[in-house]
Full PDB file with SEQRES, HELIX, SHEET, SSBOND, CRYST1, ORIGX, SCALE, CONECT and MASTER records, all heavy atoms in Angstrom:
SEQRES   1 A   37  CYS GLY SER SER VAL TRP LYS PRO VAL TYR ILE GLN THR          
SEQRES   2 A   37  ASN TYR THR LEU PHE PHE LYS VAL VAL GLU LYS TYR PRO          
SEQRES   3 A   37  PHE SER LYS MET VAL TRP TYR PRO PHE VAL ILE                  
HELIX    1 AA1 ILE A   11  LYS A   24  1                                  14    
CRYST1    1.000    1.000    1.000  90.00  90.00  90.00 P 1           1          
ORIGX1      1.000000  0.000000  0.000000        0.00000                         
ORIGX2      0.000000  1.000000  0.000000        0.00000                         
ORIGX3      0.000000  0.000000  1.000000        0.00000                         
SCALE1      1.000000  0.000000  0.000000        0.00000                         
SCALE2      0.000000  1.000000  0.000000        0.00000                         
SCALE3      0.000000  0.000000  1.000000        0.00000                         
ATOM      1  N   CYS A   1      63.025 138.309  24.632  1.00  0.00           N  
ATOM      2  CA  CYS A   1      63.288 136.864  24.569  1.00  0.00           C  
ATOM      3  C   CYS A   1      62.818 136.216  25.860  1.00  0.00           C  
ATOM      4  O   CYS A   1      63.335 136.512  26.943  1.00  0.00           O  
ATOM      5  CB  CYS A   1      64.781 136.606  24.362  1.00  0.00           C  
ATOM      6  SG  CYS A   1      65.160 134.860  24.040  1.00  0.00           S  
ATOM      7  N   GLY A   2      61.819 135.365  25.744  1.00  0.00           N  
ATOM      8  CA  GLY A   2      61.268 134.678  26.910  1.00  0.00           C  
ATOM      9  C   GLY A   2      60.341 133.561  26.478  1.00  0.00           C  
ATOM     10  O   GLY A   2      60.009 133.426  25.298  1.00  0.00           O  
ATOM     11  N   SER A   3      59.892 132.768  27.433  1.00  0.00           N  
ATOM     12  CA  SER A   3      59.095 131.582  27.124  1.00  0.00           C  
ATOM     13  C   SER A   3      57.612 131.739  27.428  1.00  0.00           C  
ATOM     14  O   SER A   3      56.801 130.915  26.997  1.00  0.00           O  
ATOM     15  CB  SER A   3      59.632 130.386  27.916  1.00  0.00           C  
ATOM     16  OG  SER A   3      59.556 130.645  29.319  1.00  0.00           O  
ATOM     17  N   SER A   4      57.223 132.774  28.185  1.00  0.00           N  
ATOM     18  CA  SER A   4      55.858 132.848  28.719  1.00  0.00           C  
ATOM     19  C   SER A   4      54.786 132.879  27.648  1.00  0.00           C  
ATOM     20  O   SER A   4      53.707 132.309  27.820  1.00  0.00           O  
ATOM     21  CB  SER A   4      55.717 134.078  29.630  1.00  0.00           C  
ATOM     22  OG  SER A   4      56.096 135.260  28.948  1.00  0.00           O  
ATOM     23  N   VAL A   5      55.046 133.535  26.515  1.00  0.00           N  
ATOM     24  CA  VAL A   5      54.087 133.591  25.419  1.00  0.00           C  
ATOM     25  C   VAL A   5      54.417 132.553  24.364  1.00  0.00           C  
ATOM     26  O   VAL A   5      53.541 131.887  23.810  1.00  0.00           O  
ATOM     27  CB  VAL A   5      54.067 135.004  24.789  1.00  0.00           C  
ATOM     28  CG1 VAL A   5      53.256 135.022  23.504  1.00  0.00           C  
ATOM     29  CG2 VAL A   5      53.496 136.014  25.786  1.00  0.00           C  
ATOM     30  N   TRP A   6      55.706 132.381  24.107  1.00  0.00           N  
ATOM     31  CA  TRP A   6      56.156 131.484  23.047  1.00  0.00           C  
ATOM     32  C   TRP A   6      55.830 130.023  23.369  1.00  0.00           C  
ATOM     33  O   TRP A   6      55.237 129.310  22.574  1.00  0.00           O  
ATOM     34  CB  TRP A   6      57.658 131.657  22.862  1.00  0.00           C  
ATOM     35  CG  TRP A   6      58.189 131.218  21.531  1.00  0.00           C  
ATOM     36  CD1 TRP A   6      57.695 130.249  20.708  1.00  0.00           C  
ATOM     37  CD2 TRP A   6      59.348 131.749  20.860  1.00  0.00           C  
ATOM     38  NE1 TRP A   6      58.455 130.123  19.577  1.00  0.00           N  
ATOM     39  CE2 TRP A   6      59.477 131.048  19.647  1.00  0.00           C  
ATOM     40  CE3 TRP A   6      60.267 132.734  21.181  1.00  0.00           C  
ATOM     41  CZ2 TRP A   6      60.522 131.300  18.758  1.00  0.00           C  
ATOM     42  CZ3 TRP A   6      61.291 132.992  20.303  1.00  0.00           C  
ATOM     43  CH2 TRP A   6      61.419 132.285  19.099  1.00  0.00           C  
ATOM     44  N   LYS A   7      56.207 129.596  24.563  1.00  0.00           N  
ATOM     45  CA  LYS A   7      55.908 128.230  24.993  1.00  0.00           C  
ATOM     46  C   LYS A   7      55.770 128.229  26.516  1.00  0.00           C  
ATOM     47  O   LYS A   7      56.718 127.915  27.240  1.00  0.00           O  
ATOM     48  CB  LYS A   7      57.002 127.258  24.558  1.00  0.00           C  
ATOM     49  CG  LYS A   7      56.624 125.784  24.798  1.00  0.00           C  
ATOM     50  CD  LYS A   7      57.687 124.843  24.265  1.00  0.00           C  
ATOM     51  CE  LYS A   7      57.267 123.396  24.446  1.00  0.00           C  
ATOM     52  NZ  LYS A   7      58.286 122.451  23.915  1.00  0.00           N  
ATOM     53  N   PRO A   8      54.591 128.594  27.016  1.00  0.00           N  
ATOM     54  CA  PRO A   8      54.414 128.761  28.461  1.00  0.00           C  
ATOM     55  C   PRO A   8      54.567 127.460  29.251  1.00  0.00           C  
ATOM     56  O   PRO A   8      54.111 126.404  28.821  1.00  0.00           O  
ATOM     57  CB  PRO A   8      52.990 129.317  28.583  1.00  0.00           C  
ATOM     58  CG  PRO A   8      52.306 128.917  27.311  1.00  0.00           C  
ATOM     59  CD  PRO A   8      53.366 128.899  26.262  1.00  0.00           C  
ATOM     60  N   VAL A   9      55.237 127.578  30.402  1.00  0.00           N  
ATOM     61  CA  VAL A   9      55.381 126.462  31.342  1.00  0.00           C  
ATOM     62  C   VAL A   9      54.850 126.944  32.688  1.00  0.00           C  
ATOM     63  O   VAL A   9      55.310 127.962  33.209  1.00  0.00           O  
ATOM     64  CB  VAL A   9      56.854 126.026  31.488  1.00  0.00           C  
ATOM     65  CG1 VAL A   9      56.985 124.944  32.559  1.00  0.00           C  
ATOM     66  CG2 VAL A   9      57.403 125.523  30.159  1.00  0.00           C  
ATOM     67  N   TYR A  10      53.883 126.221  33.242  1.00  0.00           N  
ATOM     68  CA  TYR A  10      53.293 126.622  34.517  1.00  0.00           C  
ATOM     69  C   TYR A  10      54.152 126.140  35.673  1.00  0.00           C  
ATOM     70  O   TYR A  10      54.813 125.098  35.593  1.00  0.00           O  
ATOM     71  CB  TYR A  10      51.866 126.088  34.636  1.00  0.00           C  
ATOM     72  CG  TYR A  10      50.932 126.728  33.636  1.00  0.00           C  
ATOM     73  CD1 TYR A  10      50.712 126.141  32.391  1.00  0.00           C  
ATOM     74  CD2 TYR A  10      50.301 127.937  33.921  1.00  0.00           C  
ATOM     75  CE1 TYR A  10      49.876 126.748  31.454  1.00  0.00           C  
ATOM     76  CE2 TYR A  10      49.464 128.544  32.994  1.00  0.00           C  
ATOM     77  CZ  TYR A  10      49.264 127.942  31.764  1.00  0.00           C  
ATOM     78  OH  TYR A  10      48.452 128.546  30.836  1.00  0.00           O  
ATOM     79  N   ILE A  11      54.119 126.892  36.753  1.00  0.00           N  
ATOM     80  CA  ILE A  11      54.991 126.600  37.892  1.00  0.00           C  
ATOM     81  C   ILE A  11      54.722 125.202  38.454  1.00  0.00           C  
ATOM     82  O   ILE A  11      55.635 124.509  38.872  1.00  0.00           O  
ATOM     83  CB  ILE A  11      54.827 127.680  38.997  1.00  0.00           C  
ATOM     84  CG1 ILE A  11      55.972 127.586  40.004  1.00  0.00           C  
ATOM     85  CG2 ILE A  11      53.488 127.595  39.681  1.00  0.00           C  
ATOM     86  CD1 ILE A  11      57.300 128.042  39.482  1.00  0.00           C  
ATOM     87  N   GLN A  12      53.457 124.791  38.464  1.00  0.00           N  
ATOM     88  CA  GLN A  12      53.126 123.455  38.973  1.00  0.00           C  
ATOM     89  C   GLN A  12      53.775 122.376  38.110  1.00  0.00           C  
ATOM     90  O   GLN A  12      54.329 121.399  38.627  1.00  0.00           O  
ATOM     91  CB  GLN A  12      51.604 123.260  39.002  1.00  0.00           C  
ATOM     92  CG  GLN A  12      51.154 121.951  39.640  1.00  0.00           C  
ATOM     93  CD  GLN A  12      51.516 121.874  41.108  1.00  0.00           C  
ATOM     94  OE1 GLN A  12      51.071 122.707  41.900  1.00  0.00           O  
ATOM     95  NE2 GLN A  12      52.322 120.905  41.488  1.00  0.00           N  
ATOM     96  N   THR A  13      53.740 122.560  36.796  1.00  0.00           N  
ATOM     97  CA  THR A  13      54.386 121.611  35.885  1.00  0.00           C  
ATOM     98  C   THR A  13      55.890 121.589  36.108  1.00  0.00           C  
ATOM     99  O   THR A  13      56.519 120.524  36.131  1.00  0.00           O  
ATOM    100  CB  THR A  13      54.093 122.001  34.420  1.00  0.00           C  
ATOM    101  OG1 THR A  13      52.684 122.065  34.229  1.00  0.00           O  
ATOM    102  CG2 THR A  13      54.698 120.991  33.463  1.00  0.00           C  
ATOM    103  N   ASN A  14      56.452 122.769  36.294  1.00  0.00           N  
ATOM    104  CA  ASN A  14      57.890 122.893  36.520  1.00  0.00           C  
ATOM    105  C   ASN A  14      58.331 122.101  37.744  1.00  0.00           C  
ATOM    106  O   ASN A  14      59.310 121.346  37.698  1.00  0.00           O  
ATOM    107  CB  ASN A  14      58.251 124.368  36.687  1.00  0.00           C  
ATOM    108  CG  ASN A  14      59.717 124.573  37.016  1.00  0.00           C  
ATOM    109  OD1 ASN A  14      60.586 124.452  36.167  1.00  0.00           O  
ATOM    110  ND2 ASN A  14      59.991 124.899  38.270  1.00  0.00           N  
ATOM    111  N   TYR A  15      57.595 122.260  38.846  1.00  0.00           N  
ATOM    112  CA  TYR A  15      58.014 121.584  40.073  1.00  0.00           C  
ATOM    113  C   TYR A  15      57.674 120.103  40.088  1.00  0.00           C  
ATOM    114  O   TYR A  15      58.332 119.311  40.761  1.00  0.00           O  
ATOM    115  CB  TYR A  15      57.458 122.314  41.299  1.00  0.00           C  
ATOM    116  CG  TYR A  15      58.313 123.512  41.643  1.00  0.00           C  
ATOM    117  CD1 TYR A  15      57.853 124.803  41.453  1.00  0.00           C  
ATOM    118  CD2 TYR A  15      59.612 123.342  42.090  1.00  0.00           C  
ATOM    119  CE1 TYR A  15      58.660 125.892  41.711  1.00  0.00           C  
ATOM    120  CE2 TYR A  15      60.432 124.420  42.354  1.00  0.00           C  
ATOM    121  CZ  TYR A  15      59.954 125.689  42.169  1.00  0.00           C  
ATOM    122  OH  TYR A  15      60.767 126.767  42.423  1.00  0.00           O  
ATOM    123  N   THR A  16      56.663 119.708  39.348  1.00  0.00           N  
ATOM    124  CA  THR A  16      56.393 118.269  39.198  1.00  0.00           C  
ATOM    125  C   THR A  16      57.588 117.600  38.522  1.00  0.00           C  
ATOM    126  O   THR A  16      58.065 116.542  38.964  1.00  0.00           O  
ATOM    127  CB  THR A  16      55.118 118.043  38.370  1.00  0.00           C  
ATOM    128  OG1 THR A  16      54.000 118.625  39.052  1.00  0.00           O  
ATOM    129  CG2 THR A  16      54.871 116.548  38.163  1.00  0.00           C  
ATOM    130  N   LEU A  17      58.087 118.226  37.457  1.00  0.00           N  
ATOM    131  CA  LEU A  17      59.274 117.703  36.768  1.00  0.00           C  
ATOM    132  C   LEU A  17      60.507 117.785  37.653  1.00  0.00           C  
ATOM    133  O   LEU A  17      61.323 116.859  37.700  1.00  0.00           O  
ATOM    134  CB  LEU A  17      59.507 118.500  35.477  1.00  0.00           C  
ATOM    135  CG  LEU A  17      58.442 118.380  34.391  1.00  0.00           C  
ATOM    136  CD1 LEU A  17      58.687 119.407  33.285  1.00  0.00           C  
ATOM    137  CD2 LEU A  17      58.429 116.973  33.808  1.00  0.00           C  
ATOM    138  N   PHE A  18      60.628 118.885  38.383  1.00  0.00           N  
ATOM    139  CA  PHE A  18      61.783 119.097  39.258  1.00  0.00           C  
ATOM    140  C   PHE A  18      61.905 117.976  40.294  1.00  0.00           C  
ATOM    141  O   PHE A  18      62.992 117.416  40.500  1.00  0.00           O  
ATOM    142  CB  PHE A  18      61.644 120.456  39.952  1.00  0.00           C  
ATOM    143  CG  PHE A  18      62.626 120.690  41.057  1.00  0.00           C  
ATOM    144  CD1 PHE A  18      63.932 121.063  40.783  1.00  0.00           C  
ATOM    145  CD2 PHE A  18      62.245 120.532  42.385  1.00  0.00           C  
ATOM    146  CE1 PHE A  18      64.845 121.276  41.806  1.00  0.00           C  
ATOM    147  CE2 PHE A  18      63.146 120.747  43.414  1.00  0.00           C  
ATOM    148  CZ  PHE A  18      64.446 121.121  43.121  1.00  0.00           C  
ATOM    149  N   PHE A  19      60.803 117.625  40.947  1.00  0.00           N  
ATOM    150  CA  PHE A  19      60.870 116.611  42.008  1.00  0.00           C  
ATOM    151  C   PHE A  19      61.077 115.206  41.444  1.00  0.00           C  
ATOM    152  O   PHE A  19      61.621 114.337  42.132  1.00  0.00           O  
ATOM    153  CB  PHE A  19      59.627 116.679  42.888  1.00  0.00           C  
ATOM    154  CG  PHE A  19      59.635 117.869  43.813  1.00  0.00           C  
ATOM    155  CD1 PHE A  19      58.695 118.870  43.688  1.00  0.00           C  
ATOM    156  CD2 PHE A  19      60.621 117.991  44.782  1.00  0.00           C  
ATOM    157  CE1 PHE A  19      58.733 119.977  44.516  1.00  0.00           C  
ATOM    158  CE2 PHE A  19      60.661 119.092  45.633  1.00  0.00           C  
ATOM    159  CZ  PHE A  19      59.712 120.088  45.500  1.00  0.00           C  
ATOM    160  N   LYS A  20      60.673 114.987  40.206  1.00  0.00           N  
ATOM    161  CA  LYS A  20      60.998 113.707  39.563  1.00  0.00           C  
ATOM    162  C   LYS A  20      62.500 113.574  39.370  1.00  0.00           C  
ATOM    163  O   LYS A  20      63.076 112.500  39.583  1.00  0.00           O  
ATOM    164  CB  LYS A  20      60.285 113.607  38.202  1.00  0.00           C  
ATOM    165  CG  LYS A  20      58.791 113.326  38.295  1.00  0.00           C  
ATOM    166  CD  LYS A  20      58.186 113.195  36.900  1.00  0.00           C  
ATOM    167  CE  LYS A  20      56.693 112.897  36.980  1.00  0.00           C  
ATOM    168  NZ  LYS A  20      56.078 112.782  35.623  1.00  0.00           N  
ATOM    169  N   VAL A  21      63.137 114.677  38.971  1.00  0.00           N  
ATOM    170  CA  VAL A  21      64.591 114.665  38.789  1.00  0.00           C  
ATOM    171  C   VAL A  21      65.295 114.525  40.124  1.00  0.00           C  
ATOM    172  O   VAL A  21      66.265 113.762  40.259  1.00  0.00           O  
ATOM    173  CB  VAL A  21      65.060 115.961  38.078  1.00  0.00           C  
ATOM    174  CG1 VAL A  21      66.578 115.990  37.972  1.00  0.00           C  
ATOM    175  CG2 VAL A  21      64.441 116.057  36.697  1.00  0.00           C  
ATOM    176  N   VAL A  22      64.819 115.227  41.147  1.00  0.00           N  
ATOM    177  CA  VAL A  22      65.437 115.151  42.474  1.00  0.00           C  
ATOM    178  C   VAL A  22      65.334 113.737  43.048  1.00  0.00           C  
ATOM    179  O   VAL A  22      66.263 113.248  43.689  1.00  0.00           O  
ATOM    180  CB  VAL A  22      64.779 116.167  43.430  1.00  0.00           C  
ATOM    181  CG1 VAL A  22      65.220 115.922  44.874  1.00  0.00           C  
ATOM    182  CG2 VAL A  22      65.139 117.588  43.016  1.00  0.00           C  
ATOM    183  N   GLU A  23      64.213 113.072  42.810  1.00  0.00           N  
ATOM    184  CA  GLU A  23      64.057 111.703  43.300  1.00  0.00           C  
ATOM    185  C   GLU A  23      65.035 110.755  42.604  1.00  0.00           C  
ATOM    186  O   GLU A  23      65.581 109.842  43.218  1.00  0.00           O  
ATOM    187  CB  GLU A  23      62.619 111.223  43.071  1.00  0.00           C  
ATOM    188  CG  GLU A  23      62.360 109.824  43.612  1.00  0.00           C  
ATOM    189  CD  GLU A  23      60.910 109.412  43.479  1.00  0.00           C  
ATOM    190  OE1 GLU A  23      60.152 110.095  42.759  1.00  0.00           O  
ATOM    191  OE2 GLU A  23      60.534 108.395  44.095  1.00  0.00           O  
ATOM    192  N   LYS A  24      65.268 111.008  41.319  1.00  0.00           N  
ATOM    193  CA  LYS A  24      66.180 110.147  40.560  1.00  0.00           C  
ATOM    194  C   LYS A  24      67.638 110.475  40.846  1.00  0.00           C  
ATOM    195  O   LYS A  24      68.487 109.578  40.909  1.00  0.00           O  
ATOM    196  CB  LYS A  24      65.892 110.302  39.057  1.00  0.00           C  
ATOM    197  CG  LYS A  24      66.559 109.243  38.186  1.00  0.00           C  
ATOM    198  CD  LYS A  24      66.082 109.364  36.746  1.00  0.00           C  
ATOM    199  CE  LYS A  24      66.705 108.269  35.878  1.00  0.00           C  
ATOM    200  NZ  LYS A  24      66.238 108.360  34.471  1.00  0.00           N  
ATOM    201  N   TYR A  25      67.914 111.749  41.047  1.00  0.00           N  
ATOM    202  CA  TYR A  25      69.293 112.195  41.311  1.00  0.00           C  
ATOM    203  C   TYR A  25      69.316 113.117  42.533  1.00  0.00           C  
ATOM    204  O   TYR A  25      69.522 114.334  42.407  1.00  0.00           O  
ATOM    205  CB  TYR A  25      69.873 112.922  40.092  1.00  0.00           C  
ATOM    206  CG  TYR A  25      69.900 112.080  38.848  1.00  0.00           C  
ATOM    207  CD1 TYR A  25      68.929 112.226  37.860  1.00  0.00           C  
ATOM    208  CD2 TYR A  25      70.905 111.123  38.657  1.00  0.00           C  
ATOM    209  CE1 TYR A  25      68.945 111.438  36.714  1.00  0.00           C  
ATOM    210  CE2 TYR A  25      70.925 110.340  37.512  1.00  0.00           C  
ATOM    211  CZ  TYR A  25      69.945 110.503  36.550  1.00  0.00           C  
ATOM    212  OH  TYR A  25      69.968 109.720  35.418  1.00  0.00           O  
ATOM    213  N   PRO A  26      69.098 112.571  43.728  1.00  0.00           N  
ATOM    214  CA  PRO A  26      69.038 113.409  44.934  1.00  0.00           C  
ATOM    215  C   PRO A  26      70.409 113.955  45.328  1.00  0.00           C  
ATOM    216  O   PRO A  26      71.446 113.423  44.935  1.00  0.00           O  
ATOM    217  CB  PRO A  26      68.509 112.445  45.997  1.00  0.00           C  
ATOM    218  CG  PRO A  26      68.948 111.092  45.528  1.00  0.00           C  
ATOM    219  CD  PRO A  26      68.890 111.140  44.030  1.00  0.00           C  
ATOM    220  N   PHE A  27      70.378 115.040  46.115  1.00  0.00           N  
ATOM    221  CA  PHE A  27      71.608 115.623  46.636  1.00  0.00           C  
ATOM    222  C   PHE A  27      72.073 114.817  47.850  1.00  0.00           C  
ATOM    223  O   PHE A  27      71.262 114.471  48.717  1.00  0.00           O  
ATOM    224  CB  PHE A  27      71.392 117.079  47.051  1.00  0.00           C  
ATOM    225  CG  PHE A  27      70.907 117.980  45.946  1.00  0.00           C  
ATOM    226  CD1 PHE A  27      70.196 119.139  46.232  1.00  0.00           C  
ATOM    227  CD2 PHE A  27      71.154 117.674  44.607  1.00  0.00           C  
ATOM    228  CE1 PHE A  27      69.751 119.979  45.221  1.00  0.00           C  
ATOM    229  CE2 PHE A  27      70.719 118.505  43.594  1.00  0.00           C  
ATOM    230  CZ  PHE A  27      70.000 119.648  43.895  1.00  0.00           C  
ATOM    231  N   SER A  28      73.350 114.548  47.932  1.00  0.00           N  
ATOM    232  CA  SER A  28      73.861 113.690  49.009  1.00  0.00           C  
ATOM    233  C   SER A  28      73.824 114.365  50.379  1.00  0.00           C  
ATOM    234  O   SER A  28      73.840 113.688  51.404  1.00  0.00           O  
ATOM    235  CB  SER A  28      75.288 113.242  48.689  1.00  0.00           C  
ATOM    236  OG  SER A  28      76.155 114.347  48.628  1.00  0.00           O  
ATOM    237  N   LYS A  29      73.784 115.703  50.406  1.00  0.00           N  
ATOM    238  CA  LYS A  29      73.820 116.417  51.685  1.00  0.00           C  
ATOM    239  C   LYS A  29      72.473 117.029  52.052  1.00  0.00           C  
ATOM    240  O   LYS A  29      72.402 117.968  52.849  1.00  0.00           O  
ATOM    241  CB  LYS A  29      74.893 117.506  51.643  1.00  0.00           C  
ATOM    242  CG  LYS A  29      76.308 116.950  51.526  1.00  0.00           C  
ATOM    243  CD  LYS A  29      77.336 118.077  51.522  1.00  0.00           C  
ATOM    244  CE  LYS A  29      78.748 117.497  51.396  1.00  0.00           C  
ATOM    245  NZ  LYS A  29      79.779 118.574  51.364  1.00  0.00           N  
ATOM    246  N   MET A  30      71.392 116.503  51.493  1.00  0.00           N  
ATOM    247  CA  MET A  30      70.080 117.047  51.836  1.00  0.00           C  
ATOM    248  C   MET A  30      69.811 116.856  53.327  1.00  0.00           C  
ATOM    249  O   MET A  30      70.215 115.860  53.925  1.00  0.00           O  
ATOM    250  CB  MET A  30      68.981 116.413  50.988  1.00  0.00           C  
ATOM    251  CG  MET A  30      68.734 114.942  51.241  1.00  0.00           C  
ATOM    252  SD  MET A  30      67.329 114.316  50.276  1.00  0.00           S  
ATOM    253  CE  MET A  30      67.958 114.443  48.617  1.00  0.00           C  
ATOM    254  N   VAL A  31      69.140 117.848  53.915  1.00  0.00           N  
ATOM    255  CA  VAL A  31      68.893 117.800  55.362  1.00  0.00           C  
ATOM    256  C   VAL A  31      67.478 117.327  55.691  1.00  0.00           C  
ATOM    257  O   VAL A  31      67.196 116.948  56.819  1.00  0.00           O  
ATOM    258  CB  VAL A  31      69.137 119.179  56.005  1.00  0.00           C  
ATOM    259  CG1 VAL A  31      70.572 119.609  55.805  1.00  0.00           C  
ATOM    260  CG2 VAL A  31      68.194 120.232  55.426  1.00  0.00           C  
ATOM    261  N   TRP A  32      66.588 117.369  54.703  1.00  0.00           N  
ATOM    262  CA  TRP A  32      65.231 116.861  54.905  1.00  0.00           C  
ATOM    263  C   TRP A  32      64.657 116.468  53.561  1.00  0.00           C  
ATOM    264  O   TRP A  32      65.187 116.835  52.503  1.00  0.00           O  
ATOM    265  CB  TRP A  32      64.341 117.907  55.594  1.00  0.00           C  
ATOM    266  CG  TRP A  32      63.042 117.326  56.110  1.00  0.00           C  
ATOM    267  CD1 TRP A  32      61.803 117.533  55.610  1.00  0.00           C  
ATOM    268  CD2 TRP A  32      62.885 116.414  57.206  1.00  0.00           C  
ATOM    269  NE1 TRP A  32      60.864 116.814  56.311  1.00  0.00           N  
ATOM    270  CE2 TRP A  32      61.516 116.112  57.311  1.00  0.00           C  
ATOM    271  CE3 TRP A  32      63.779 115.820  58.111  1.00  0.00           C  
ATOM    272  CZ2 TRP A  32      61.001 115.250  58.263  1.00  0.00           C  
ATOM    273  CZ3 TRP A  32      63.262 114.968  59.069  1.00  0.00           C  
ATOM    274  CH2 TRP A  32      61.889 114.693  59.141  1.00  0.00           C  
ATOM    275  N   TYR A  33      63.599 115.715  53.586  1.00  0.00           N  
ATOM    276  CA  TYR A  33      62.928 115.285  52.365  1.00  0.00           C  
ATOM    277  C   TYR A  33      62.443 116.510  51.586  1.00  0.00           C  
ATOM    278  O   TYR A  33      61.736 117.370  52.136  1.00  0.00           O  
ATOM    279  CB  TYR A  33      61.751 114.385  52.720  1.00  0.00           C  
ATOM    280  CG  TYR A  33      60.900 113.959  51.550  1.00  0.00           C  
ATOM    281  CD1 TYR A  33      61.401 113.086  50.582  1.00  0.00           C  
ATOM    282  CD2 TYR A  33      59.594 114.441  51.404  1.00  0.00           C  
ATOM    283  CE1 TYR A  33      60.616 112.696  49.501  1.00  0.00           C  
ATOM    284  CE2 TYR A  33      58.803 114.061  50.331  1.00  0.00           C  
ATOM    285  CZ  TYR A  33      59.330 113.185  49.384  1.00  0.00           C  
ATOM    286  OH  TYR A  33      58.557 112.803  48.313  1.00  0.00           O  
ATOM    287  N   PRO A  34      62.824 116.637  50.327  1.00  0.00           N  
ATOM    288  CA  PRO A  34      62.450 117.832  49.558  1.00  0.00           C  
ATOM    289  C   PRO A  34      60.978 117.822  49.115  1.00  0.00           C  
ATOM    290  O   PRO A  34      60.510 116.878  48.494  1.00  0.00           O  
ATOM    291  CB  PRO A  34      63.391 117.777  48.351  1.00  0.00           C  
ATOM    292  CG  PRO A  34      63.756 116.338  48.206  1.00  0.00           C  
ATOM    293  CD  PRO A  34      63.739 115.751  49.584  1.00  0.00           C  
ATOM    294  N   PHE A  35      60.292 118.882  49.474  1.00  0.00           N  
ATOM    295  CA  PHE A  35      58.923 119.122  49.011  1.00  0.00           C  
ATOM    296  C   PHE A  35      58.710 120.628  49.060  1.00  0.00           C  
ATOM    297  O   PHE A  35      59.449 121.359  49.723  1.00  0.00           O  
ATOM    298  CB  PHE A  35      57.899 118.408  49.895  1.00  0.00           C  
ATOM    299  CG  PHE A  35      57.779 118.968  51.283  1.00  0.00           C  
ATOM    300  CD1 PHE A  35      56.854 119.955  51.588  1.00  0.00           C  
ATOM    301  CD2 PHE A  35      58.612 118.520  52.309  1.00  0.00           C  
ATOM    302  CE1 PHE A  35      56.749 120.482  52.869  1.00  0.00           C  
ATOM    303  CE2 PHE A  35      58.527 119.037  53.588  1.00  0.00           C  
ATOM    304  CZ  PHE A  35      57.587 120.021  53.878  1.00  0.00           C  
ATOM    305  N   VAL A  36      57.712 121.110  48.360  1.00  0.00           N  
ATOM    306  CA  VAL A  36      57.433 122.540  48.377  1.00  0.00           C  
ATOM    307  C   VAL A  36      55.929 122.778  48.328  1.00  0.00           C  
ATOM    308  O   VAL A  36      55.188 122.053  47.654  1.00  0.00           O  
ATOM    309  CB  VAL A  36      58.131 123.260  47.198  1.00  0.00           C  
ATOM    310  CG1 VAL A  36      57.490 122.895  45.860  1.00  0.00           C  
ATOM    311  CG2 VAL A  36      58.116 124.763  47.386  1.00  0.00           C  
ATOM    312  N   ILE A  37      55.488 123.747  49.108  1.00  0.00           N  
ATOM    313  CA  ILE A  37      54.087 124.170  49.131  1.00  0.00           C  
ATOM    314  C   ILE A  37      54.017 125.541  48.457  1.00  0.00           C  
ATOM    315  O   ILE A  37      54.785 126.446  48.797  1.00  0.00           O  
ATOM    316  CB  ILE A  37      53.557 124.270  50.574  1.00  0.00           C  
ATOM    317  CG1 ILE A  37      53.634 122.900  51.257  1.00  0.00           C  
ATOM    318  CG2 ILE A  37      52.124 124.788  50.588  1.00  0.00           C  
ATOM    319  CD1 ILE A  37      53.336 122.949  52.741  1.00  0.00           C  
TER     320      ILE A  37                                                      
MASTER        0    0    0    1    0    0    0    6  319    1    0    3          
END                                                                             
C-alpha cells in the first residue's frame, strides 16, 4: 500500500503545496522564515 505507483507525488510539488499552507497558517513560534533547499 503506497502512492508512488498508484498516484505519484513529486517532492517539489509536495513542498510547493506545503509552503502555501504554511504561509496561510503559519506557526506562531517560528524562529525564522520557513524555506527549504
